[in-house]
N, C-alpha and C. Protein backbone atom coordinates (compact mmCIF):
# COMPACT_ATOMS: atom_id res chain seq x y z
N MET A 1 -0.42 -0.71 -16.96
CA MET A 1 -0.84 0.29 -15.91
C MET A 1 -0.11 1.55 -16.08
N ARG A 2 -0.59 2.61 -15.59
CA ARG A 2 0.13 3.83 -15.66
C ARG A 2 0.08 4.51 -14.24
N ALA A 3 0.96 5.28 -13.96
CA ALA A 3 1.01 5.93 -12.67
C ALA A 3 0.00 7.09 -12.54
N LEU A 4 -0.69 7.07 -11.44
CA LEU A 4 -1.68 8.17 -11.18
C LEU A 4 -1.39 8.68 -9.79
N PRO A 5 -1.79 9.99 -9.53
CA PRO A 5 -1.57 10.42 -8.17
C PRO A 5 -2.27 9.64 -7.07
N LEU A 6 -1.71 9.50 -5.95
CA LEU A 6 -2.27 8.80 -4.79
C LEU A 6 -2.91 9.91 -3.81
N ALA A 7 -4.22 9.92 -3.70
CA ALA A 7 -4.83 10.93 -2.82
C ALA A 7 -5.26 10.18 -1.54
N LEU A 8 -4.68 10.68 -0.42
CA LEU A 8 -5.11 9.99 0.91
C LEU A 8 -6.01 10.90 1.53
N ARG A 9 -6.98 10.36 2.22
CA ARG A 9 -7.92 11.04 3.00
C ARG A 9 -8.17 10.50 4.32
N PRO A 10 -8.64 11.20 5.34
CA PRO A 10 -8.75 10.62 6.69
C PRO A 10 -9.86 9.55 6.68
N PHE A 11 -9.54 8.58 7.42
CA PHE A 11 -10.44 7.35 7.51
C PHE A 11 -10.42 6.78 8.96
N VAL A 12 -11.62 6.56 9.55
CA VAL A 12 -11.65 6.02 10.93
C VAL A 12 -11.77 4.56 10.77
N ASP A 13 -10.78 3.77 11.09
CA ASP A 13 -10.71 2.32 10.98
C ASP A 13 -11.19 1.81 12.36
N THR A 14 -12.39 1.31 12.41
CA THR A 14 -12.96 0.71 13.58
C THR A 14 -12.81 -0.79 13.57
N PRO A 15 -12.03 -1.42 14.36
CA PRO A 15 -11.83 -2.84 14.36
C PRO A 15 -13.19 -3.56 14.76
N ASP A 16 -13.40 -4.70 14.09
CA ASP A 16 -14.59 -5.54 14.59
C ASP A 16 -14.37 -6.21 15.83
N THR A 17 -15.20 -7.10 16.29
CA THR A 17 -15.11 -7.70 17.61
C THR A 17 -13.94 -8.63 17.76
N ARG A 18 -13.36 -9.15 16.53
CA ARG A 18 -12.15 -9.91 16.59
C ARG A 18 -10.89 -9.10 16.47
N GLY A 19 -11.04 -7.69 16.42
CA GLY A 19 -9.84 -6.82 16.25
C GLY A 19 -9.34 -6.71 14.83
N ILE A 20 -10.18 -7.02 13.92
CA ILE A 20 -9.87 -6.92 12.45
C ILE A 20 -10.27 -5.66 11.89
N GLY A 21 -9.44 -4.89 11.22
CA GLY A 21 -9.69 -3.57 10.59
C GLY A 21 -10.43 -3.72 9.32
N ALA A 22 -10.81 -2.63 8.64
CA ALA A 22 -11.51 -2.59 7.38
C ALA A 22 -10.65 -3.24 6.28
N GLN A 23 -11.25 -4.05 5.33
CA GLN A 23 -10.54 -4.74 4.32
C GLN A 23 -10.63 -3.81 3.01
N THR A 24 -9.72 -2.88 3.00
CA THR A 24 -9.58 -1.86 1.96
C THR A 24 -8.13 -1.48 1.83
N PHE A 25 -7.82 -0.70 0.77
CA PHE A 25 -6.50 -0.08 0.72
C PHE A 25 -6.39 0.93 1.72
N LYS A 26 -5.38 0.85 2.56
CA LYS A 26 -5.30 1.88 3.61
C LYS A 26 -3.77 2.06 4.13
N VAL A 27 -3.53 3.20 4.59
CA VAL A 27 -2.20 3.50 5.18
C VAL A 27 -2.56 3.74 6.67
N GLY A 28 -1.89 2.95 7.48
CA GLY A 28 -2.13 3.03 8.93
C GLY A 28 -3.49 2.31 9.31
N GLY A 29 -3.92 2.49 10.57
CA GLY A 29 -5.09 1.83 11.03
C GLY A 29 -4.80 0.56 11.56
N THR A 30 -5.79 -0.40 11.47
CA THR A 30 -5.59 -1.78 11.99
C THR A 30 -5.65 -2.76 10.75
N PRO A 31 -4.70 -3.66 10.74
CA PRO A 31 -4.72 -4.58 9.63
C PRO A 31 -5.91 -5.40 9.62
N SER A 32 -6.34 -5.87 8.43
CA SER A 32 -7.45 -6.76 8.25
C SER A 32 -6.89 -8.23 7.91
N TRP A 33 -6.10 -8.74 8.73
CA TRP A 33 -5.42 -9.99 8.44
C TRP A 33 -6.37 -11.04 7.83
N ALA A 34 -6.00 -11.60 6.64
CA ALA A 34 -6.74 -12.65 6.08
C ALA A 34 -6.59 -13.96 6.77
N GLN A 35 -5.44 -14.14 7.45
CA GLN A 35 -5.19 -15.30 8.25
C GLN A 35 -4.74 -14.78 9.64
N ASP A 36 -3.98 -15.50 10.33
CA ASP A 36 -3.52 -15.01 11.67
C ASP A 36 -2.53 -13.86 11.57
N PRO A 37 -2.52 -12.95 12.51
CA PRO A 37 -1.56 -11.91 12.48
C PRO A 37 -0.09 -12.45 12.40
N GLU A 38 0.69 -11.70 11.67
CA GLU A 38 2.15 -12.03 11.59
C GLU A 38 2.97 -11.08 12.24
N HIS A 39 4.01 -11.48 12.95
CA HIS A 39 4.92 -10.56 13.67
C HIS A 39 6.38 -10.86 13.15
N HIS A 40 7.12 -9.82 12.71
CA HIS A 40 8.37 -10.00 12.22
C HIS A 40 9.28 -8.87 12.84
N ARG A 41 10.60 -9.29 12.86
CA ARG A 41 11.62 -8.42 13.51
C ARG A 41 12.55 -7.99 12.43
N CYS A 42 12.97 -6.67 12.53
CA CYS A 42 13.93 -6.14 11.54
C CYS A 42 15.38 -6.66 11.84
N ALA A 43 16.19 -6.56 10.83
CA ALA A 43 17.60 -6.99 11.03
C ALA A 43 18.28 -6.27 12.25
N CYS A 44 17.78 -5.03 12.56
CA CYS A 44 18.39 -4.29 13.62
C CYS A 44 17.87 -4.72 15.00
N GLY A 45 16.87 -5.68 15.03
CA GLY A 45 16.32 -6.11 16.28
C GLY A 45 14.97 -5.57 16.70
N THR A 46 14.62 -4.54 16.04
CA THR A 46 13.33 -3.88 16.35
C THR A 46 12.08 -4.57 15.80
N ASP A 47 11.07 -4.77 16.55
CA ASP A 47 9.83 -5.30 16.03
C ASP A 47 9.26 -4.53 14.96
N LEU A 48 8.84 -5.08 13.80
CA LEU A 48 8.28 -4.24 12.74
C LEU A 48 6.86 -3.93 13.07
N VAL A 49 6.32 -2.83 12.57
CA VAL A 49 4.95 -2.35 12.84
C VAL A 49 4.18 -2.33 11.48
N TYR A 50 2.88 -2.47 11.56
CA TYR A 50 1.97 -2.38 10.44
C TYR A 50 2.10 -0.98 9.84
N LEU A 51 2.29 -0.92 8.49
CA LEU A 51 2.27 0.31 7.85
C LEU A 51 1.07 0.60 6.88
N CYS A 52 0.84 -0.41 5.99
CA CYS A 52 -0.37 -0.30 5.10
C CYS A 52 -0.70 -1.72 4.49
N GLN A 53 -1.82 -1.76 3.79
CA GLN A 53 -2.17 -3.01 3.18
C GLN A 53 -2.81 -2.69 1.77
N VAL A 54 -2.74 -3.67 0.86
CA VAL A 54 -3.50 -3.66 -0.37
C VAL A 54 -4.26 -4.86 -0.37
N PRO A 55 -5.65 -4.69 -0.53
CA PRO A 55 -6.62 -5.82 -0.36
C PRO A 55 -6.53 -6.73 -1.58
N GLU A 56 -6.96 -7.92 -1.52
CA GLU A 56 -7.09 -8.85 -2.67
C GLU A 56 -8.01 -8.25 -3.76
N GLY A 57 -7.68 -8.49 -4.94
CA GLY A 57 -8.56 -8.08 -6.07
C GLY A 57 -8.63 -6.59 -6.27
N MET A 58 -7.64 -5.74 -5.90
CA MET A 58 -7.65 -4.39 -6.09
C MET A 58 -7.51 -4.07 -7.59
N GLU A 59 -8.51 -3.45 -8.17
CA GLU A 59 -8.64 -3.18 -9.59
C GLU A 59 -7.92 -1.91 -10.03
N PHE A 60 -7.38 -1.94 -11.12
CA PHE A 60 -6.90 -0.67 -11.88
C PHE A 60 -7.38 -0.70 -13.35
N ALA A 61 -7.83 0.45 -13.75
CA ALA A 61 -8.37 0.57 -15.03
C ALA A 61 -7.20 0.23 -16.04
N VAL A 62 -7.57 -0.26 -17.24
CA VAL A 62 -6.58 -0.66 -18.26
C VAL A 62 -6.59 0.55 -19.31
N PRO A 63 -5.59 1.42 -19.22
CA PRO A 63 -5.58 2.60 -20.28
C PRO A 63 -4.45 2.20 -21.27
N PRO A 64 -4.62 2.64 -22.47
CA PRO A 64 -5.82 2.87 -23.27
C PRO A 64 -6.55 1.61 -23.67
N PRO A 65 -7.68 1.71 -24.13
CA PRO A 65 -8.47 0.50 -24.58
C PRO A 65 -7.70 -0.28 -25.57
N GLY A 66 -7.93 -1.62 -25.52
CA GLY A 66 -7.20 -2.55 -26.45
C GLY A 66 -5.92 -3.13 -25.90
N GLN A 67 -5.55 -2.83 -24.69
CA GLN A 67 -4.41 -3.44 -24.06
C GLN A 67 -4.60 -4.89 -23.90
N PRO A 68 -3.51 -5.73 -23.67
CA PRO A 68 -3.70 -7.18 -23.47
C PRO A 68 -4.53 -7.45 -22.11
N GLU A 69 -5.31 -8.48 -22.17
CA GLU A 69 -6.13 -8.95 -21.03
C GLU A 69 -5.06 -9.51 -19.93
N GLN A 70 -5.28 -9.34 -18.79
CA GLN A 70 -4.52 -9.95 -17.75
C GLN A 70 -4.90 -11.41 -17.63
N PRO A 71 -3.89 -12.28 -17.61
CA PRO A 71 -4.23 -13.74 -17.41
C PRO A 71 -4.85 -13.98 -16.00
N TYR A 72 -5.89 -14.82 -16.09
CA TYR A 72 -6.68 -15.26 -14.88
C TYR A 72 -7.48 -14.13 -14.26
N SER A 73 -7.65 -13.01 -14.92
CA SER A 73 -8.47 -11.87 -14.50
C SER A 73 -10.01 -12.24 -14.78
N LEU A 74 -10.89 -11.40 -14.19
CA LEU A 74 -12.31 -11.60 -14.36
C LEU A 74 -12.82 -10.79 -15.65
N GLY A 75 -12.02 -10.01 -16.24
CA GLY A 75 -12.46 -9.19 -17.37
C GLY A 75 -11.21 -8.55 -18.04
N ASP A 76 -11.62 -7.84 -19.22
CA ASP A 76 -10.59 -7.21 -19.97
C ASP A 76 -10.56 -5.74 -19.75
N ASP A 77 -11.32 -5.21 -18.85
CA ASP A 77 -11.45 -3.75 -18.70
C ASP A 77 -10.65 -3.23 -17.37
N SER A 78 -9.97 -4.27 -16.77
CA SER A 78 -9.14 -3.88 -15.59
C SER A 78 -7.97 -4.91 -15.26
N TYR A 79 -6.90 -4.42 -14.60
CA TYR A 79 -5.86 -5.36 -14.11
C TYR A 79 -6.11 -5.44 -12.63
N TRP A 80 -5.81 -6.54 -12.11
CA TRP A 80 -5.92 -6.81 -10.66
C TRP A 80 -4.47 -6.97 -10.07
N LEU A 81 -4.26 -6.33 -8.99
CA LEU A 81 -2.98 -6.36 -8.33
C LEU A 81 -3.01 -7.42 -7.36
N PHE A 82 -2.06 -8.30 -7.16
CA PHE A 82 -1.92 -9.38 -6.19
C PHE A 82 -3.17 -10.36 -6.35
N LEU A 83 -3.45 -11.04 -7.42
CA LEU A 83 -4.57 -11.78 -7.64
C LEU A 83 -4.80 -12.78 -6.46
N GLY A 84 -5.93 -12.70 -5.75
CA GLY A 84 -6.21 -13.63 -4.69
C GLY A 84 -5.39 -13.41 -3.41
N ASN A 85 -4.62 -12.40 -3.38
CA ASN A 85 -3.81 -12.32 -2.15
C ASN A 85 -3.97 -10.93 -1.47
N GLU A 86 -3.84 -10.77 -0.20
CA GLU A 86 -3.78 -9.51 0.47
C GLU A 86 -2.28 -9.34 0.78
N VAL A 87 -1.92 -8.05 0.57
CA VAL A 87 -0.48 -7.75 0.93
C VAL A 87 -0.40 -6.67 1.97
N TYR A 88 0.38 -6.96 2.99
CA TYR A 88 0.57 -6.06 4.19
C TYR A 88 2.07 -5.64 4.16
N LEU A 89 2.31 -4.38 4.47
CA LEU A 89 3.69 -3.90 4.58
C LEU A 89 3.98 -3.56 6.00
N LEU A 90 4.99 -4.11 6.50
CA LEU A 90 5.45 -3.86 7.92
C LEU A 90 6.72 -3.10 7.83
N ALA A 91 7.02 -2.11 8.60
CA ALA A 91 8.12 -1.22 8.52
C ALA A 91 8.86 -1.11 9.92
N CYS A 92 10.20 -0.82 9.92
CA CYS A 92 10.95 -0.61 11.10
C CYS A 92 10.73 0.72 11.70
N PRO A 93 10.19 0.86 12.91
CA PRO A 93 9.88 2.18 13.49
C PRO A 93 11.17 2.91 13.92
N ALA A 94 12.27 2.19 13.92
CA ALA A 94 13.51 2.75 14.35
C ALA A 94 14.23 3.47 13.17
N HIS A 95 13.53 3.30 11.95
CA HIS A 95 14.10 3.95 10.71
C HIS A 95 15.59 3.57 10.57
N CYS A 96 16.04 2.35 10.76
CA CYS A 96 17.41 2.04 10.71
C CYS A 96 17.93 2.04 9.31
N ASP A 97 16.99 1.88 8.23
CA ASP A 97 17.44 1.89 6.89
C ASP A 97 16.10 2.28 6.03
N PRO A 98 16.26 3.03 5.03
CA PRO A 98 15.12 3.43 4.21
C PRO A 98 14.44 2.17 3.58
N ALA A 99 15.07 1.11 3.48
CA ALA A 99 14.52 -0.16 2.89
C ALA A 99 14.12 -1.18 3.93
N ALA A 100 14.00 -0.79 5.15
CA ALA A 100 13.60 -1.62 6.25
C ALA A 100 12.08 -1.81 6.22
N VAL A 101 11.60 -2.45 5.18
CA VAL A 101 10.14 -2.77 5.02
C VAL A 101 10.08 -4.26 4.62
N TRP A 102 9.06 -4.99 5.21
CA TRP A 102 8.86 -6.33 4.95
C TRP A 102 7.41 -6.61 4.46
N PRO A 103 7.29 -7.19 3.28
CA PRO A 103 5.94 -7.54 2.77
C PRO A 103 5.44 -8.83 3.32
N VAL A 104 4.19 -8.84 3.65
CA VAL A 104 3.60 -10.07 4.11
C VAL A 104 2.40 -10.42 3.18
N ASN A 105 2.39 -11.58 2.68
CA ASN A 105 1.40 -11.99 1.68
C ASN A 105 0.45 -13.02 2.37
N GLN A 106 -0.81 -12.78 2.32
CA GLN A 106 -1.82 -13.84 2.83
C GLN A 106 -2.91 -13.91 1.84
N ASN A 107 -3.57 -15.17 1.95
CA ASN A 107 -4.71 -15.35 1.04
C ASN A 107 -5.83 -16.20 1.76
């Protein structure tokens, strides 16, 4: 993989009747929990809040052509991040530490 710029644009995340947000890569909005919502607490005692999510099967182009195929992938033209899993990042709203982020993995 290679680094590319991340372009964020406004997005209205309208939760469904169960309170589930859109299942896409997003920063902010409402999480689209694959399973039950998870709640975690920071080491400082503050409840962590939803920051962003990476959906299952998020594809990235394979540059340049001819690179090795990703094991268990569906093709040789892309790499998948977090195969079969959705990843949610929860962060400490108290900003007690720059590393106060907790990953949650669901499938």
